[in-house]
PDB file of N, CA and C in Angstrom:
ATOM      1  N   MET A   1     -27.125  59.131 -25.930  1.00  0.00           N
ATOM      2  CA  MET A   1     -26.582  58.013 -26.672  1.00  0.00           C
ATOM      3  C   MET A   1     -27.596  57.479 -27.667  1.00  0.00           C
ATOM      4  N   ASP A   2     -28.413  58.366 -28.166  1.00  0.00           N
ATOM      5  CA  ASP A   2     -29.413  57.964 -29.146  1.00  0.00           C
ATOM      6  C   ASP A   2     -28.827  57.790 -30.539  1.00  0.00           C
ATOM      7  N   SER A   3     -27.766  58.511 -30.826  1.00  0.00           N
ATOM      8  CA  SER A   3     -27.191  58.494 -32.159  1.00  0.00           C
ATOM      9  C   SER A   3     -26.310  57.263 -32.358  1.00  0.00           C
ATOM     10  N   ALA A   4     -26.566  56.528 -33.417  1.00  0.00           N
ATOM     11  CA  ALA A   4     -25.788  55.320 -33.715  1.00  0.00           C
ATOM     12  C   ALA A   4     -24.337  55.643 -34.059  1.00  0.00           C
ATOM     13  N   ASP A   5     -24.036  56.904 -34.428  1.00  0.00           N
ATOM     14  CA  ASP A   5     -22.659  57.257 -34.760  1.00  0.00           C
ATOM     15  C   ASP A   5     -21.950  57.996 -33.625  1.00  0.00           C
ATOM     16  N   ASP A   6     -22.523  57.981 -32.432  1.00  0.00           N
ATOM     17  CA  ASP A   6     -21.904  58.556 -31.242  1.00  0.00           C
ATOM     18  C   ASP A   6     -20.676  57.711 -30.908  1.00  0.00           C
ATOM     19  N   TYR A   7     -19.480  58.315 -30.903  1.00  0.00           N
ATOM     20  CA  TYR A   7     -18.263  57.534 -30.720  1.00  0.00           C
ATOM     21  C   TYR A   7     -18.187  56.886 -29.338  1.00  0.00           C
ATOM     22  N   VAL A   8     -18.749  57.518 -28.308  1.00  0.00           N
ATOM     23  CA  VAL A   8     -18.757  56.901 -26.982  1.00  0.00           C
ATOM     24  C   VAL A   8     -19.649  55.654 -26.997  1.00  0.00           C
ATOM     25  N   ARG A   9     -20.800  55.791 -27.618  1.00  0.00           N
ATOM     26  CA  ARG A   9     -21.705  54.636 -27.740  1.00  0.00           C
ATOM     27  C   ARG A   9     -21.012  53.498 -28.483  1.00  0.00           C
ATOM     28  N   ILE A  10     -20.352  53.813 -29.583  1.00  0.00           N
ATOM     29  CA  ILE A  10     -19.662  52.786 -30.374  1.00  0.00           C
ATOM     30  C   ILE A  10     -18.585  52.098 -29.542  1.00  0.00           C
ATOM     31  N   GLU A  11     -17.826  52.868 -28.765  1.00  0.00           N
ATOM     32  CA  GLU A  11     -16.762  52.278 -27.946  1.00  0.00           C
ATOM     33  C   GLU A  11     -17.333  51.354 -26.866  1.00  0.00           C
ATOM     34  N   ILE A  12     -18.405  51.777 -26.220  1.00  0.00           N
ATOM     35  CA  ILE A  12     -19.007  50.939 -25.175  1.00  0.00           C
ATOM     36  C   ILE A  12     -19.625  49.691 -25.775  1.00  0.00           C
ATOM     37  N   GLU A  13     -20.348  49.842 -26.883  1.00  0.00           N
ATOM     38  CA  GLU A  13     -20.942  48.674 -27.548  1.00  0.00           C
ATOM     39  C   GLU A  13     -19.866  47.680 -27.978  1.00  0.00           C
ATOM     40  N   THR A  14     -18.780  48.188 -28.518  1.00  0.00           N
ATOM     41  CA  THR A  14     -17.686  47.330 -28.961  1.00  0.00           C
ATOM     42  C   THR A  14     -17.073  46.589 -27.776  1.00  0.00           C
ATOM     43  N   ALA A  15     -16.884  47.294 -26.668  1.00  0.00           N
ATOM     44  CA  ALA A  15     -16.343  46.646 -25.465  1.00  0.00           C
ATOM     45  C   ALA A  15     -17.276  45.536 -24.986  1.00  0.00           C
ATOM     46  N   PHE A  16     -18.576  45.804 -24.955  1.00  0.00           N
ATOM     47  CA  PHE A  16     -19.541  44.774 -24.543  1.00  0.00           C
ATOM     48  C   PHE A  16     -19.474  43.574 -25.486  1.00  0.00           C
ATOM     49  N   GLN A  17     -19.407  43.820 -26.785  1.00  0.00           N
ATOM     50  CA  GLN A  17     -19.377  42.735 -27.765  1.00  0.00           C
ATOM     51  C   GLN A  17     -18.125  41.871 -27.626  1.00  0.00           C
ATOM     52  N   ARG A  18     -17.025  42.493 -27.256  1.00  0.00           N
ATOM     53  CA  ARG A  18     -15.743  41.783 -27.144  1.00  0.00           C
ATOM     54  C   ARG A  18     -15.434  41.335 -25.720  1.00  0.00           C
ATOM     55  N   ASN A  19     -16.400  41.496 -24.830  1.00  0.00           N
ATOM     56  CA  ASN A  19     -16.209  41.133 -23.419  1.00  0.00           C
ATOM     57  C   ASN A  19     -15.027  41.861 -22.784  1.00  0.00           C
ATOM     58  N   ILE A  20     -14.867  43.113 -23.155  1.00  0.00           N
ATOM     59  CA  ILE A  20     -13.851  43.976 -22.560  1.00  0.00           C
ATOM     60  C   ILE A  20     -14.501  44.675 -21.369  1.00  0.00           C
ATOM     61  N   PRO A  21     -13.864  44.648 -20.203  1.00  0.00           N
ATOM     62  CA  PRO A  21     -14.460  45.290 -19.034  1.00  0.00           C
ATOM     63  C   PRO A  21     -14.699  46.789 -19.253  1.00  0.00           C
ATOM     64  N   VAL A  22     -15.817  47.253 -18.741  1.00  0.00           N
ATOM     65  CA  VAL A  22     -16.176  48.670 -18.810  1.00  0.00           C
ATOM     66  C   VAL A  22     -16.350  49.168 -17.381  1.00  0.00           C
ATOM     67  N   ILE A  23     -15.663  50.244 -17.036  1.00  0.00           N
ATOM     68  CA  ILE A  23     -15.817  50.862 -15.732  1.00  0.00           C
ATOM     69  C   ILE A  23     -16.358  52.271 -15.957  1.00  0.00           C
ATOM     70  N   PRO A  24     -17.634  52.490 -15.679  1.00  0.00           N
ATOM     71  CA  PRO A  24     -18.175  53.844 -15.816  1.00  0.00           C
ATOM     72  C   PRO A  24     -17.525  54.779 -14.785  1.00  0.00           C
ATOM     73  N   VAL A  25     -17.197  55.972 -15.213  1.00  0.00           N
ATOM     74  CA  VAL A  25     -16.618  56.981 -14.332  1.00  0.00           C
ATOM     75  C   VAL A  25     -17.574  58.163 -14.304  1.00  0.00           C
ATOM     76  N   LYS A  26     -18.008  58.515 -13.100  1.00  0.00           N
ATOM     77  CA  LYS A  26     -18.954  59.613 -12.938  1.00  0.00           C
ATOM     78  C   LYS A  26     -18.239  60.792 -12.284  1.00  0.00           C
ATOM     79  N   PHE A  27     -18.469  61.980 -12.824  1.00  0.00           N
ATOM     80  CA  PHE A  27     -17.869  63.198 -12.288  1.00  0.00           C
ATOM     81  C   PHE A  27     -18.935  64.076 -11.658  1.00  0.00           C
ATOM     82  N   GLU A  28     -18.576  64.686 -10.541  1.00  0.00           N
ATOM     83  CA  GLU A  28     -19.398  65.686  -9.868  1.00  0.00           C
ATOM     84  C   GLU A  28     -20.849  65.259  -9.668  1.00  0.00           C
ATOM     85  N   GLY A  29     -21.046  64.033  -9.210  1.00  0.00           N
ATOM     86  CA  GLY A  29     -22.380  63.575  -8.850  1.00  0.00           C
ATOM     87  C   GLY A  29     -23.309  63.255 -10.003  1.00  0.00           C
ATOM     88  N   VAL A  30     -22.802  63.163 -11.214  1.00  0.00           N
ATOM     89  CA  VAL A  30     -23.641  62.789 -12.354  1.00  0.00           C
ATOM     90  C   VAL A  30     -24.114  61.357 -12.143  1.00  0.00           C
ATOM     91  N   SER A  31     -25.383  61.112 -12.401  1.00  0.00           N
ATOM     92  CA  SER A  31     -25.915  59.770 -12.184  1.00  0.00           C
ATOM     93  C   SER A  31     -25.864  58.947 -13.472  1.00  0.00           C
ATOM     94  N   MET A  32     -25.952  57.636 -13.288  1.00  0.00           N
ATOM     95  CA  MET A  32     -25.980  56.738 -14.427  1.00  0.00           C
ATOM     96  C   MET A  32     -27.316  56.908 -15.143  1.00  0.00           C
ATOM     97  N   PRO A  33     -27.342  56.722 -16.455  1.00  0.00           N
ATOM     98  CA  PRO A  33     -28.614  56.839 -17.178  1.00  0.00           C
ATOM     99  C   PRO A  33     -29.567  55.726 -16.775  1.00  0.00           C
ATOM    100  N   ASP A  34     -30.834  55.993 -16.897  1.00  0.00           N
ATOM    101  CA  ASP A  34     -31.852  54.980 -16.631  1.00  0.00           C
ATOM    102  C   ASP A  34     -31.890  54.011 -17.810  1.00  0.00           C
ATOM    103  N   VAL A  35     -32.177  52.758 -17.528  1.00  0.00           N
ATOM    104  CA  VAL A  35     -32.247  51.733 -18.579  1.00  0.00           C
ATOM    105  C   VAL A  35     -33.181  52.163 -19.701  1.00  0.00           C
ATOM    106  N   SER A  36     -34.278  52.815 -19.349  1.00  0.00           N
ATOM    107  CA  SER A  36     -35.267  53.225 -20.355  1.00  0.00           C
ATOM    108  C   SER A  36     -34.728  54.289 -21.316  1.00  0.00           C
ATOM    109  N   GLU A  37     -33.630  54.933 -20.951  1.00  0.00           N
ATOM    110  CA  GLU A  37     -33.043  55.979 -21.791  1.00  0.00           C
ATOM    111  C   GLU A  37     -32.020  55.440 -22.782  1.00  0.00           C
ATOM    112  N   LEU A  38     -31.706  54.166 -22.674  1.00  0.00           N
ATOM    113  CA  LEU A  38     -30.617  53.593 -23.457  1.00  0.00           C
ATOM    114  C   LEU A  38     -31.111  52.657 -24.551  1.00  0.00           C
ATOM    115  N   PRO A  39     -30.337  52.570 -25.644  1.00  0.00           N
ATOM    116  CA  PRO A  39     -30.663  51.571 -26.674  1.00  0.00           C
ATOM    117  C   PRO A  39     -30.405  50.170 -26.116  1.00  0.00           C
ATOM    118  N   ASP A  40     -30.995  49.179 -26.720  1.00  0.00           N
ATOM    119  CA  ASP A  40     -30.865  47.794 -26.246  1.00  0.00           C
ATOM    120  C   ASP A  40     -29.413  47.359 -26.088  1.00  0.00           C
ATOM    121  N   THR A  41     -28.541  47.844 -26.950  1.00  0.00           N
ATOM    122  CA  THR A  41     -27.138  47.435 -26.914  1.00  0.00           C
ATOM    123  C   THR A  41     -26.394  47.949 -25.689  1.00  0.00           C
ATOM    124  N   LEU A  42     -26.990  48.892 -24.974  1.00  0.00           N
ATOM    125  CA  LEU A  42     -26.330  49.480 -23.799  1.00  0.00           C
ATOM    126  C   LEU A  42     -27.108  49.253 -22.504  1.00  0.00           C
ATOM    127  N   LYS A  43     -28.097  48.382 -22.531  1.00  0.00           N
ATOM    128  CA  LYS A  43     -28.981  48.186 -21.376  1.00  0.00           C
ATOM    129  C   LYS A  43     -28.247  47.729 -20.117  1.00  0.00           C
ATOM    130  N   GLU A  44     -27.100  47.085 -20.243  1.00  0.00           N
ATOM    131  CA  GLU A  44     -26.390  46.616 -19.055  1.00  0.00           C
ATOM    132  C   GLU A  44     -25.556  47.717 -18.389  1.00  0.00           C
ATOM    133  N   LEU A  45     -25.350  48.827 -19.065  1.00  0.00           N
ATOM    134  CA  LEU A  45     -24.498  49.899 -18.551  1.00  0.00           C
ATOM    135  C   LEU A  45     -24.898  50.394 -17.157  1.00  0.00           C
ATOM    136  N   PRO A  46     -26.161  50.691 -16.894  1.00  0.00           N
ATOM    137  CA  PRO A  46     -26.516  51.212 -15.562  1.00  0.00           C
ATOM    138  C   PRO A  46     -26.293  50.221 -14.418  1.00  0.00           C
ATOM    139  N   TYR A  47     -26.114  48.956 -14.739  1.00  0.00           N
ATOM    140  CA  TYR A  47     -25.926  47.939 -13.707  1.00  0.00           C
ATOM    141  C   TYR A  47     -24.457  47.726 -13.341  1.00  0.00           C
ATOM    142  N   LEU A  48     -23.559  48.390 -14.055  1.00  0.00           N
ATOM    143  CA  LEU A  48     -22.134  48.280 -13.753  1.00  0.00           C
ATOM    144  C   LEU A  48     -21.792  49.187 -12.572  1.00  0.00           C
ATOM    145  N   ASN A  49     -20.824  48.763 -11.788  1.00  0.00           N
ATOM    146  CA  ASN A  49     -20.378  49.593 -10.675  1.00  0.00           C
ATOM    147  C   ASN A  49     -19.555  50.756 -11.218  1.00  0.00           C
ATOM    148  N   ALA A  50     -20.020  51.948 -10.940  1.00  0.00           N
ATOM    149  CA  ALA A  50     -19.335  53.149 -11.415  1.00  0.00           C
ATOM    150  C   ALA A  50     -18.392  53.675 -10.332  1.00  0.00           C
ATOM    151  N   VAL A  51     -17.376  54.380 -10.779  1.00  0.00           N
ATOM    152  CA  VAL A  51     -16.444  55.049  -9.876  1.00  0.00           C
ATOM    153  C   VAL A  51     -16.784  56.528  -9.894  1.00  0.00           C
ATOM    154  N   ASP A  52     -16.979  57.096  -8.703  1.00  0.00           N
ATOM    155  CA  ASP A  52     -17.233  58.527  -8.588  1.00  0.00           C
ATOM    156  C   ASP A  52     -15.917  59.260  -8.426  1.00  0.00           C
ATOM    157  N   ILE A  53     -15.731  60.296  -9.226  1.00  0.00           N
ATOM    158  CA  ILE A  53     -14.551  61.148  -9.115  1.00  0.00           C
ATOM    159  C   ILE A  53     -15.044  62.519  -8.674  1.00  0.00           C
ATOM    160  N   ARG A  54     -14.664  62.891  -7.456  1.00  0.00           N
ATOM    161  CA  ARG A  54     -15.113  64.168  -6.904  1.00  0.00           C
ATOM    162  C   ARG A  54     -14.000  65.193  -7.001  1.00  0.00           C
ATOM    163  N   PRO A  55     -14.337  66.453  -7.317  1.00  0.00           N
ATOM    164  CA  PRO A  55     -13.317  67.490  -7.525  1.00  0.00           C
ATOM    165  C   PRO A  55     -12.866  68.160  -6.227  1.00  0.00           C
ATOM    166  N   ASP A  56     -13.032  67.485  -5.100  1.00  0.00           N
ATOM    167  CA  ASP A  56     -12.689  68.102  -3.821  1.00  0.00           C
ATOM    168  C   ASP A  56     -11.474  67.388  -3.223  1.00  0.00           C
ATOM    169  N   ALA A  57     -11.383  67.404  -1.921  1.00  0.00           N
ATOM    170  CA  ALA A  57     -10.248  66.779  -1.235  1.00  0.00           C
ATOM    171  C   ALA A  57     -10.190  65.269  -1.464  1.00  0.00           C
ATOM    172  N   ASP A  58     -11.290  64.662  -1.905  1.00  0.00           N
ATOM    173  CA  ASP A  58     -11.326  63.221  -2.151  1.00  0.00           C
ATOM    174  C   ASP A  58     -10.853  62.839  -3.550  1.00  0.00           C
ATOM    175  N   PHE A  59     -10.500  63.814  -4.373  1.00  0.00           N
ATOM    176  CA  PHE A  59     -10.099  63.535  -5.756  1.00  0.00           C
ATOM    177  C   PHE A  59      -8.988  62.485  -5.815  1.00  0.00           C
ATOM    178  N   LYS A  60      -7.939  62.681  -5.040  1.00  0.00           N
ATOM    179  CA  LYS A  60      -6.799  61.754  -5.083  1.00  0.00           C
ATOM    180  C   LYS A  60      -7.235  60.349  -4.663  1.00  0.00           C
ATOM    181  N   THR A  61      -8.023  60.246  -3.611  1.00  0.00           N
ATOM    182  CA  THR A  61      -8.517  58.939  -3.155  1.00  0.00           C
ATOM    183  C   THR A  61      -9.372  58.277  -4.223  1.00  0.00           C
ATOM    184  N   ASP A  62     -10.240  59.064  -4.860  1.00  0.00           N
ATOM    185  CA  ASP A  62     -11.096  58.530  -5.922  1.00  0.00           C
ATOM    186  C   ASP A  62     -10.263  58.021  -7.092  1.00  0.00           C
ATOM    187  N   MET A  63      -9.244  58.781  -7.478  1.00  0.00           N
ATOM    188  CA  MET A  63      -8.392  58.363  -8.596  1.00  0.00           C
ATOM    189  C   MET A  63      -7.594  57.116  -8.249  1.00  0.00           C
ATOM    190  N   GLU A  64      -7.125  57.030  -7.013  1.00  0.00           N
ATOM    191  CA  GLU A  64      -6.387  55.838  -6.588  1.00  0.00           C
ATOM    192  C   GLU A  64      -7.286  54.601  -6.637  1.00  0.00           C
ATOM    193  N   LYS A  65      -8.549  54.762  -6.262  1.00  0.00           N
ATOM    194  CA  LYS A  65      -9.504  53.655  -6.340  1.00  0.00           C
ATOM    195  C   LYS A  65      -9.684  53.206  -7.789  1.00  0.00           C
ATOM    196  N   LEU A  66      -9.820  54.159  -8.701  1.00  0.00           N
ATOM    197  CA  LEU A  66      -9.960  53.834 -10.121  1.00  0.00           C
ATOM    198  C   LEU A  66      -8.710  53.120 -10.633  1.00  0.00           C
ATOM    199  N   ILE A  67      -7.548  53.611 -10.263  1.00  0.00           N
ATOM    200  CA  ILE A  67      -6.291  52.994 -10.698  1.00  0.00           C
ATOM    201  C   ILE A  67      -6.199  51.558 -10.191  1.00  0.00           C
ATOM    202  N   ARG A  68      -6.587  51.320  -8.945  1.00  0.00           N
ATOM    203  CA  ARG A  68      -6.560  49.947  -8.405  1.00  0.00           C
ATOM    204  C   ARG A  68      -7.490  49.032  -9.202  1.00  0.00           C
ATOM    205  N   GLN A  69      -8.667  49.536  -9.555  1.00  0.00           N
ATOM    206  CA  GLN A  69      -9.595  48.721 -10.346  1.00  0.00           C
ATOM    207  C   GLN A  69      -9.017  48.418 -11.721  1.00  0.00           C
ATOM    208  N   LEU A  70      -8.373  49.397 -12.327  1.00  0.00           N
ATOM    209  CA  LEU A  70      -7.766  49.182 -13.642  1.00  0.00           C
ATOM    210  C   LEU A  70      -6.607  48.196 -13.559  1.00  0.00           C
ATOM    211  N   GLU A  71      -5.825  48.280 -12.495  1.00  0.00           N
ATOM    212  CA  GLU A  71      -4.700  47.358 -12.338  1.00  0.00           C
ATOM    213  C   GLU A  71      -5.171  45.910 -12.193  1.00  0.00           C
ATOM    214  N   VAL A  72      -6.288  45.696 -11.531  1.00  0.00           N
ATOM    215  CA  VAL A  72      -6.833  44.342 -11.398  1.00  0.00           C
ATOM    216  C   VAL A  72      -7.195  43.783 -12.765  1.00  0.00           C
ATOM    217  N   LEU A  73      -7.687  44.642 -13.634  1.00  0.00           N
ATOM    218  CA  LEU A  73      -8.107  44.208 -14.963  1.00  0.00           C
ATOM    219  C   LEU A  73      -6.948  44.105 -15.955  1.00  0.00           C
ATOM    220  N   MET A  74      -5.830  44.719 -15.616  1.00  0.00           N
ATOM    221  CA  MET A  74      -4.688  44.768 -16.518  1.00  0.00           C
ATOM    222  C   MET A  74      -4.025  43.396 -16.609  1.00  0.00           C
ATOM    223  N   PRO A  75      -3.698  42.955 -17.819  1.00  0.00           N
ATOM    224  CA  PRO A  75      -3.002  41.668 -17.960  1.00  0.00           C
ATOM    225  C   PRO A  75      -1.674  41.671 -17.200  1.00  0.00           C
ATOM    226  N   GLU A  76      -1.315  40.529 -16.669  1.00  0.00           N
ATOM    227  CA  GLU A  76      -0.070  40.393 -15.902  1.00  0.00           C
ATOM    228  C   GLU A  76       1.136  40.895 -16.685  1.00  0.00           C
ATOM    229  N   SER A  77       1.175  40.644 -17.977  1.00  0.00           N
ATOM    230  CA  SER A  77       2.315  41.060 -18.797  1.00  0.00           C
ATOM    231  C   SER A  77       2.501  42.570 -18.783  1.00  0.00           C
ATOM    232  N   LEU A  78       1.416  43.320 -18.655  1.00  0.00           N
ATOM    233  CA  LEU A  78       1.516  44.776 -18.584  1.00  0.00           C
ATOM    234  C   LEU A  78       1.854  45.248 -17.175  1.00  0.00           C
ATOM    235  N   ARG A  79       1.389  44.528 -16.169  1.00  0.00           N
ATOM    236  CA  ARG A  79       1.639  44.912 -14.778  1.00  0.00           C
ATOM    237  C   ARG A  79       3.106  44.758 -14.405  1.00  0.00           C
ATOM    238  N   GLN A  80       3.813  43.846 -15.037  1.00  0.00           N
ATOM    239  CA  GLN A  80       5.201  43.587 -14.677  1.00  0.00           C
ATOM    240  C   GLN A  80       6.081  44.814 -14.914  1.00  0.00           C
ATOM    241  N   GLY A  81       5.738  45.635 -15.866  1.00  0.00           N
ATOM    242  CA  GLY A  81       6.532  46.822 -16.166  1.00  0.00           C
ATOM    243  C   GLY A  81       6.257  47.999 -15.244  1.00  0.00           C
ATOM    244  N   ARG A  82       5.246  47.890 -14.385  1.00  0.00           N
ATOM    245  CA  ARG A  82       4.875  48.978 -13.482  1.00  0.00           C
ATOM    246  C   ARG A  82       5.644  48.846 -12.170  1.00  0.00           C
ATOM    247  N   SER A  83       5.975  49.980 -11.603  1.00  0.00           N
ATOM    248  CA  SER A  83       6.652  49.933 -10.294  1.00  0.00           C
ATOM    249  C   SER A  83       5.797  50.555  -9.231  1.00  0.00           C
TER     250      SER A  83
END
């Protein structure tokens, strides 16, 4: 995330600036970056609770956990349309 034109970096920075919740998703045991590896605008990223998505028998459970977290963050007006 060293490049200022990295679209992932831009999206995360924009979310932080607008106070939009960010949920890091880690696949196959990838770890969060160290604070020292990140630009100042992303220093809070490693301190966020990440969701691990494993490609084994726990995949469905992991995805359900992520969906529950997203539903908590979803505005009530959007949740009403879900069944």
